[in-house]
Protein backbone atom coordinates (compact mmCIF):
# COMPACT_ATOMS: atom_id res chain seq x y z
CA MET A 1 14.04 -24.77 1.14
CA GLN A 2 17.54 -24.03 2.44
CA GLU A 3 20.12 -23.21 -0.22
CA LYS A 4 22.83 -25.81 -0.76
CA ILE A 5 26.22 -24.83 0.56
CA THR A 6 27.80 -25.81 -2.76
CA ASP A 7 25.59 -23.22 -4.47
CA ILE A 8 26.62 -20.55 -1.98
CA ILE A 9 30.32 -21.20 -2.66
CA LYS A 10 29.84 -20.62 -6.39
CA LYS A 11 28.52 -17.08 -5.92
CA GLU A 12 30.56 -14.09 -7.08
CA SER A 13 29.43 -12.04 -4.06
CA PHE A 14 28.10 -13.03 -0.67
CA THR A 15 25.38 -11.68 1.57
CA LYS A 16 25.79 -11.61 5.32
CA GLU A 17 23.36 -14.53 5.47
CA ASP A 18 25.60 -16.50 3.10
CA LEU A 19 28.60 -15.86 5.34
CA VAL A 20 26.71 -16.92 8.47
CA ARG A 21 25.74 -20.14 6.72
CA LEU A 22 29.35 -20.92 5.81
CA LEU A 23 30.73 -19.99 9.23
CA SER A 24 28.15 -22.03 11.13
CA SER A 25 28.41 -25.13 8.94
CA GLU A 26 29.02 -28.44 10.68
CA GLY A 27 29.39 -32.12 9.90
CA GLU A 28 29.18 -33.34 6.31
CA GLU A 29 28.09 -29.97 4.99
CA ARG A 30 31.19 -28.36 6.51
CA ALA A 31 33.43 -31.08 5.10
CA VAL A 32 32.09 -30.42 1.60
CA PHE A 33 32.61 -26.67 2.03
CA LEU A 34 36.22 -26.97 3.20
CA LYS A 35 37.06 -29.54 0.52
CA LYS A 36 35.74 -27.24 -2.22
CA VAL A 37 37.79 -24.30 -0.95
CA ALA A 38 40.90 -26.47 -0.60
CA LYS A 39 40.64 -27.45 -4.26
CA SER A 40 40.09 -23.95 -5.60
CA TYR A 41 42.24 -21.38 -3.79
CA ILE A 42 45.68 -22.67 -4.91
CA GLY A 43 44.84 -21.40 -8.38
CA THR A 44 44.71 -17.85 -7.00
CA ILE A 45 47.63 -17.66 -4.56
CA GLY A 46 49.73 -20.69 -5.51
CA LYS A 47 51.17 -23.48 -3.36
CA LYS A 48 53.85 -21.47 -1.58
CA VAL A 49 53.83 -20.80 2.14
CA TYR A 50 55.92 -17.89 3.38
CA PHE A 51 57.85 -17.74 6.63
CA ARG A 52 57.77 -14.81 9.03
CA GLY A 53 60.32 -15.43 11.79
CA LEU A 54 58.56 -14.26 14.96
CA ILE A 55 60.52 -12.36 17.61
CA GLU A 56 58.39 -11.65 20.69
CA PHE A 57 60.90 -9.21 22.11
CA SER A 58 59.03 -7.79 25.11
CA ASN A 59 55.94 -8.54 27.19
CA TYR A 60 55.72 -5.12 28.83
CA CYS A 61 52.36 -3.60 27.88
CA THR A 62 50.46 -0.40 28.63
CA LYS A 63 47.12 -1.98 27.68
CA ASP A 64 44.78 -3.88 30.00
CA CYS A 65 42.81 -6.01 27.53
CA LEU A 66 40.46 -8.29 29.47
CA TYR A 67 41.48 -11.45 27.59
CA CYS A 68 45.26 -11.13 27.46
CA GLY A 69 47.77 -12.90 29.68
CA ILE A 70 50.31 -10.06 29.46
CA ARG A 71 47.81 -7.31 30.30
CA LYS A 72 49.24 -4.48 32.37
CA SER A 73 47.36 -5.47 35.54
CA ASN A 74 48.53 -9.09 35.57
CA SER A 75 51.12 -9.03 38.36
CA LYS A 76 51.86 -12.74 37.96
CA VAL A 77 53.72 -12.26 34.66
CA ASP A 78 57.51 -12.35 34.63
CA ARG A 79 58.22 -9.29 32.50
CA TYR A 80 61.12 -9.28 30.07
CA ASN A 81 62.70 -7.10 27.42
CA ILE A 82 65.14 -8.83 25.07
CA ASP A 83 68.21 -6.71 24.38
CA ASP A 84 68.92 -5.36 20.92
CA ASP A 85 71.88 -7.66 20.27
CA ALA A 86 69.73 -10.76 20.88
CA ILE A 87 67.07 -9.40 18.52
CA LEU A 88 69.70 -8.80 15.86
CA GLU A 89 71.05 -12.31 16.36
CA ALA A 90 67.55 -13.71 15.79
CA ALA A 91 67.22 -11.56 12.67
CA ARG A 92 70.52 -12.92 11.37
CA PHE A 93 69.23 -16.45 12.01
CA ALA A 94 66.12 -15.69 9.93
CA HIS A 95 68.25 -14.25 7.14
CA GLN A 96 70.76 -17.09 7.12
CA ASN A 97 67.97 -19.68 7.07
CA ARG A 98 66.27 -17.89 4.15
CA TYR A 99 63.06 -17.09 5.99
CA GLY A 100 62.51 -14.09 3.76
CA SER A 101 60.86 -12.02 6.50
CA LEU A 102 60.53 -11.55 10.22
CA VAL A 103 57.95 -10.11 12.63
CA LEU A 104 58.83 -7.86 15.55
CA GLN A 105 56.07 -8.23 18.13
CA SER A 106 55.65 -6.97 21.68
CA GLY A 107 53.18 -5.59 24.15
CA GLU A 108 51.83 -2.16 23.23
CA ARG A 109 53.91 0.89 24.08
CA SER A 110 54.19 4.30 22.45
CA ASP A 111 56.63 6.23 24.65
CA ASP A 112 59.52 8.11 23.03
CA ALA A 113 62.19 5.63 24.13
CA PHE A 114 60.24 2.73 22.64
CA VAL A 115 59.57 4.54 19.36
CA GLU A 116 63.23 5.43 18.97
CA ARG A 117 64.34 1.91 19.87
CA ILE A 118 62.14 0.34 17.19
CA GLU A 119 63.38 2.81 14.59
CA ASN A 120 67.01 2.03 15.41
CA LEU A 121 66.36 -1.72 15.40
CA LEU A 122 64.72 -1.54 11.98
CA ARG A 123 67.69 0.32 10.51
CA ARG A 124 70.19 -2.10 12.07
CA ILE A 125 68.29 -5.17 10.87
CA LYS A 126 68.15 -3.79 7.35
CA ALA A 127 71.87 -2.98 7.43
CA GLU A 128 72.91 -6.37 8.81
CA THR A 129 70.83 -8.33 6.29
CA ASN A 130 71.72 -6.21 3.24
CA GLY A 131 68.12 -5.06 3.00
CA GLU A 132 67.13 -8.59 2.03
CA LEU A 133 64.92 -9.40 5.04
CA GLY A 134 61.33 -8.22 4.90
CA ILE A 135 60.00 -6.80 8.17
CA THR A 136 56.52 -6.86 9.68
CA ILE A 137 55.88 -5.10 12.97
CA SER A 138 53.05 -5.66 15.43
CA VAL A 139 53.42 -3.35 18.40
CA GLY A 140 50.05 -1.66 18.65
CA GLU A 141 48.55 1.78 18.24
CA GLN A 142 50.90 4.65 17.37
CA THR A 143 50.76 8.18 15.97
CA GLU A 144 50.91 8.87 12.25
CA GLU A 145 54.41 10.31 12.71
CA THR A 146 55.61 7.11 14.39
CA PHE A 147 54.12 4.93 11.67
CA ARG A 148 55.93 7.07 9.11
CA ARG A 149 59.27 6.94 10.95
CA TRP A 150 59.16 3.16 11.18
CA PHE A 151 58.10 2.81 7.55
CA GLU A 152 61.02 4.96 6.42
CA ALA A 153 63.35 2.92 8.66
CA GLY A 154 62.49 -0.30 6.85
CA ALA A 155 59.21 -1.84 8.07
CA HIS A 156 56.78 -2.44 5.22
CA ARG A 157 54.03 -4.58 6.80
CA TYR A 158 52.06 -3.86 9.96
CA LEU A 159 49.61 -6.11 11.81
CA LEU A 160 47.10 -4.40 14.11
CA ARG A 161 44.27 -6.71 15.09
CA ILE A 162 40.88 -5.11 15.73
CA GLU A 163 39.92 -8.27 17.76
CA SER A 164 36.23 -7.52 17.11
CA SER A 165 34.64 -5.10 14.63
CA ASN A 166 31.51 -4.98 16.79
CA ARG A 167 31.89 -1.82 18.89
CA ASP A 168 29.78 -3.17 21.77
CA LEU A 169 31.68 -6.46 21.85
CA TYR A 170 34.97 -4.59 21.63
CA TYR A 171 34.15 -2.85 24.91
CA LYS A 172 33.13 -6.13 26.53
CA ILE A 173 36.66 -7.45 25.99
CA HIS A 174 38.51 -4.16 26.62
CA PRO A 175 38.18 -1.66 29.47
CA GLN A 176 36.23 1.36 28.24
CA ASN A 177 38.75 4.13 28.80
CA HIS A 178 41.13 6.35 26.85
CA LYS A 179 43.67 3.53 26.54
CA HIS A 180 41.18 1.25 24.82
CA ASP A 181 39.23 3.28 22.30
CA PHE A 182 37.61 1.57 19.33
CA ASP A 183 37.79 4.63 17.10
CA THR A 184 41.48 5.15 17.84
CA ARG A 185 42.26 1.60 16.81
CA LEU A 186 40.20 1.90 13.66
CA ASN A 187 41.86 5.20 12.79
CA CYS A 188 45.30 3.59 13.18
CA LEU A 189 44.37 1.02 10.53
CA HIS A 190 43.50 3.84 8.14
CA LEU A 191 46.77 5.64 8.98
CA LEU A 192 48.75 2.48 8.25
CA LYS A 193 47.23 2.25 4.78
CA LYS A 194 47.81 5.97 4.23
CA THR A 195 51.48 5.62 5.22
CA GLY A 196 52.04 2.85 2.67
CA TYR A 197 52.17 -0.29 4.79
CA GLN A 198 50.81 -3.62 3.74
CA THR A 199 48.11 -3.47 6.39
CA GLY A 200 46.84 -6.40 8.39
CA THR A 201 44.21 -6.95 11.03
CA GLY A 202 42.37 -9.84 12.60
CA VAL A 203 39.89 -11.05 15.19
CA MET A 204 39.45 -13.69 17.87
CA ILE A 205 36.95 -16.46 17.19
CA GLY A 206 34.74 -17.90 19.91
CA LEU A 207 34.80 -14.98 22.35
CA PRO A 208 32.27 -14.72 25.14
CA PHE A 209 29.12 -12.93 23.90
CA GLN A 210 30.14 -13.45 20.23
CA THR A 211 27.72 -14.75 17.56
CA TYR A 212 28.09 -16.09 14.03
CA GLU A 213 26.54 -12.80 12.88
CA ASP A 214 29.37 -10.93 14.64
CA LEU A 215 31.94 -13.06 12.85
CA ALA A 216 30.24 -12.49 9.50
CA ASP A 217 30.40 -8.76 10.19
CA ASP A 218 34.10 -9.13 11.01
CA LEU A 219 34.71 -10.58 7.55
CA LEU A 220 32.68 -7.84 5.89
CA PHE A 221 34.66 -5.29 7.91
CA MET A 222 37.96 -6.68 6.57
CA LYS A 223 36.55 -6.64 3.06
CA GLU A 224 35.35 -3.04 3.37
CA LEU A 225 38.61 -1.90 4.99
CA ASN A 226 40.38 -3.57 2.05
CA VAL A 227 43.15 -5.09 4.18
CA ASP A 228 46.14 -6.86 2.66
CA MET A 229 46.70 -9.53 5.29
CA VAL A 230 44.85 -11.15 8.18
CA GLY A 231 45.86 -12.97 11.34
CA MET A 232 43.00 -14.54 13.26
CA GLY A 233 42.54 -17.56 15.46
CA PRO A 234 40.45 -19.18 18.16
CA PHE A 235 39.99 -17.46 21.50
CA ILE A 236 41.72 -19.45 24.24
CA GLU A 237 41.04 -18.24 27.75
CA HIS A 238 43.81 -17.40 30.24
CA HIS A 239 43.17 -18.04 33.92
CA ASP A 240 44.77 -14.74 35.05
CA THR A 241 42.37 -12.55 33.05
CA PRO A 242 38.89 -11.13 33.77
CA LEU A 243 37.30 -12.96 30.80
CA TYR A 244 38.19 -16.29 32.43
CA GLN A 245 35.03 -16.00 34.54
CA TYR A 246 32.99 -16.61 31.39
CA ARG A 247 34.72 -19.87 30.49
CA ASP A 248 31.55 -21.91 31.10
CA GLN A 249 29.69 -19.85 28.51
CA LEU A 250 32.20 -20.42 25.69
CA TRP A 251 31.89 -22.72 22.72
CA PRO A 252 33.85 -25.93 23.34
CA LEU A 253 37.49 -25.59 22.24
CA GLN A 254 36.96 -27.99 19.34
CA ARG A 255 34.07 -25.88 18.02
CA ARG A 256 36.17 -22.72 18.30
CA PHE A 257 38.82 -24.51 16.26
CA GLU A 258 36.33 -25.60 13.61
CA VAL A 259 34.84 -22.14 13.26
CA ALA A 260 38.35 -20.64 13.01
CA LEU A 261 38.99 -22.85 9.97
CA ASN A 262 35.57 -21.89 8.60
CA MET A 263 36.59 -18.22 8.98
CA ILE A 264 39.83 -18.77 7.06
CA ALA A 265 38.09 -20.65 4.26
CA THR A 266 35.26 -18.11 4.02
CA LEU A 267 37.62 -15.14 3.97
CA ARG A 268 39.65 -16.85 1.24
CA LEU A 269 36.47 -16.89 -0.85
CA LEU A 270 35.68 -13.29 0.06
CA MET A 271 39.22 -11.91 -0.46
CA PRO A 272 41.04 -14.43 -2.67
CA ASP A 273 44.44 -12.71 -2.94
CA ILE A 274 45.23 -11.54 0.61
CA ASN A 275 47.82 -13.13 2.91
CA MET A 276 46.48 -15.17 5.83
CA VAL A 277 48.38 -16.55 8.80
CA ALA A 278 48.02 -20.11 10.07
CA ALA A 279 47.85 -19.00 13.72
CA THR A 280 49.84 -20.77 16.42
CA ALA A 281 46.71 -20.76 18.62
CA LEU A 282 45.21 -23.38 16.28
CA GLN A 283 47.99 -25.75 17.27
CA ALA A 284 47.17 -25.16 20.94
CA ILE A 285 43.87 -26.96 20.31
CA ASP A 286 44.79 -29.44 17.57
CA PRO A 287 48.36 -30.75 17.07
CA MET A 288 47.78 -30.47 13.31
CA GLY A 289 46.01 -27.12 13.56
CA ARG A 290 48.33 -25.06 11.42
CA GLU A 291 48.48 -27.70 8.69
CA LYS A 292 44.70 -27.79 8.56
CA ALA A 293 44.65 -24.00 8.21
CA LEU A 294 47.09 -24.21 5.30
CA ARG A 295 44.84 -26.70 3.57
CA VAL A 296 41.81 -24.38 3.66
CA GLY A 297 43.41 -21.07 2.71
CA ALA A 298 46.20 -19.82 4.99
CA ASN A 299 49.55 -19.10 3.30
CA ILE A 300 51.73 -17.60 6.06
CA ILE A 301 53.52 -19.41 8.90
CA MET A 302 55.35 -17.68 11.75
CA PRO A 303 58.16 -19.85 13.17
CA ASN A 304 58.98 -18.60 16.66
CA ILE A 305 62.62 -17.51 16.80
CA THR A 306 62.37 -15.73 20.14
CA PRO A 307 65.21 -16.91 22.44
CA THR A 308 63.76 -20.01 24.12
CA PHE A 309 64.36 -18.74 27.65
CA HIS A 310 61.71 -16.01 27.22
CA ARG A 311 59.06 -17.82 25.20
CA LYS A 312 57.17 -19.10 28.25
CA ASP A 313 56.65 -15.49 29.41
CA TYR A 314 54.86 -14.33 26.24
CA GLN A 315 51.63 -16.13 27.09
CA LEU A 316 48.69 -14.26 25.60
CA TYR A 317 46.64 -17.44 26.12
CA GLU A 318 47.11 -20.79 27.86
CA ASN A 319 48.75 -23.93 26.46
CA LYS A 320 50.77 -22.02 23.89
CA PRO A 321 52.75 -24.60 21.86
CA CYS A 322 56.48 -24.67 21.07
CA THR A 323 57.57 -22.66 24.12
CA ASP A 324 60.45 -25.05 24.84
CA GLU A 325 61.79 -25.44 21.30
CA GLY A 326 64.83 -23.72 19.86
CA ALA A 327 64.64 -21.84 16.56
CA ASP A 328 66.22 -24.75 14.66
CA ASP A 329 63.71 -27.20 16.15
CA CYS A 330 60.81 -24.97 15.14
CA THR A 331 62.10 -24.67 11.56
CA ASN A 332 62.62 -28.42 11.12
CA CYS A 333 59.18 -29.14 12.52
CA LEU A 334 57.48 -26.66 10.21
CA ASN A 335 59.27 -27.99 7.13
CA ILE A 336 57.69 -31.37 7.76
CA ARG A 337 54.30 -29.91 8.61
CA ILE A 338 54.13 -27.81 5.45
CA GLU A 339 55.06 -30.78 3.27
CA MET A 340 52.32 -32.80 4.99
CA ALA A 341 49.84 -30.09 4.05
CA GLY A 342 50.80 -30.46 0.38
CA ARG A 343 52.42 -27.02 0.21
CA GLU A 344 55.95 -25.73 -0.40
CA ILE A 345 58.04 -23.09 1.36
CA GLY A 346 58.91 -19.87 -0.44
CA TYR A 347 62.46 -19.71 0.87
CA GLY A 348 64.17 -16.34 0.60
CA GLU A 349 61.00 -14.62 -0.59
CA TRP A 350 59.18 -11.79 1.13
CA GLY A 351 55.87 -13.26 0.06
CA ASP A 352 54.15 -9.89 -0.05
CA SER A 353 50.39 -9.66 -0.38
CA ARG A 354 49.21 -9.80 -3.98
CA HIS A 355 46.18 -7.84 -2.87
CA PHE A 356 48.41 -4.95 -1.73
CA PHE A 357 49.93 -4.46 -5.17
CA LYS A 358 46.52 -4.53 -6.82
CA ARG A 359 45.23 -2.07 -4.25
CA ILE A 360 47.99 0.52 -4.71
CA SER A 361 47.88 0.18 -8.50
CA GLY A 362 44.16 0.90 -8.49
CA LYS A 363 43.37 -2.43 -10.18
CA GLN A 364 41.46 -3.71 -7.18
């Protein structure tokens, strides 16, 4: 006789089979699962949602990931590189509006000019905001020296998504060459922890060739790696990428959305005190996608404060929402959305991962 999902939720530890059961749940069983998680997790992380003002400052990229709209080989992209003054203006906006933190995100580069630019930007942002603005960066694989330079310049969180912890699947969604090496990416995650960053990773949900077992392994990978924060969301195909040819083999968008919420809820059970992002990609499928993610375990929102003129050109996937809104519009919208989800905004707070502090203290 199949074990009840309510009995699985009560367990102190989960087998891979338990995780597959939770991730694949549908219908009434899924509704019960999500409702139970929604009632329980607030006691661990509280009701607050923390803002990370997102600045997508460049779509130049040296990578050629087979799923990504800004991949190096996509000649149809209008490339841009926001100047430093505009980035600093966006940082001042985040500070003045008490966001607490911002995220600097771009395509992946590691050349000397880029490394130096990021270091200088970090120092200037810290200086202009009196050291009060927390900074996350998400700009891809780098050397240990670069990670250290940026950490010393003021970044204290780093998001580097693995996209899939299954080595074979990783190479089905990335070209298998020196620029896209699974072991290099994994090593970077270890270097980030070694350097002292609050370390984040994440995966795409509903990829071609992906199974529920793969997704369960992804969650176990995050648990074993002992990450502090996670950003994951549904895979949404882009017509100018090689993976688009497999669009007829994908789960329907709505199912990808449902499983993404299942992943958030399951990971909240597995790692109760980490930070989790309510990904914008959820809203590309469901207008209330981010609110639904907040209800089942996410506690981070990233308002887009990239200058509006460039937002349309940072299209990792199709139908990206909020590309025509200004920063003020995005903030006002999110205030309402967070209240609708029964949560409150941690204004002026960095909202650092509780898991991180337990990890570095040796209590976890």
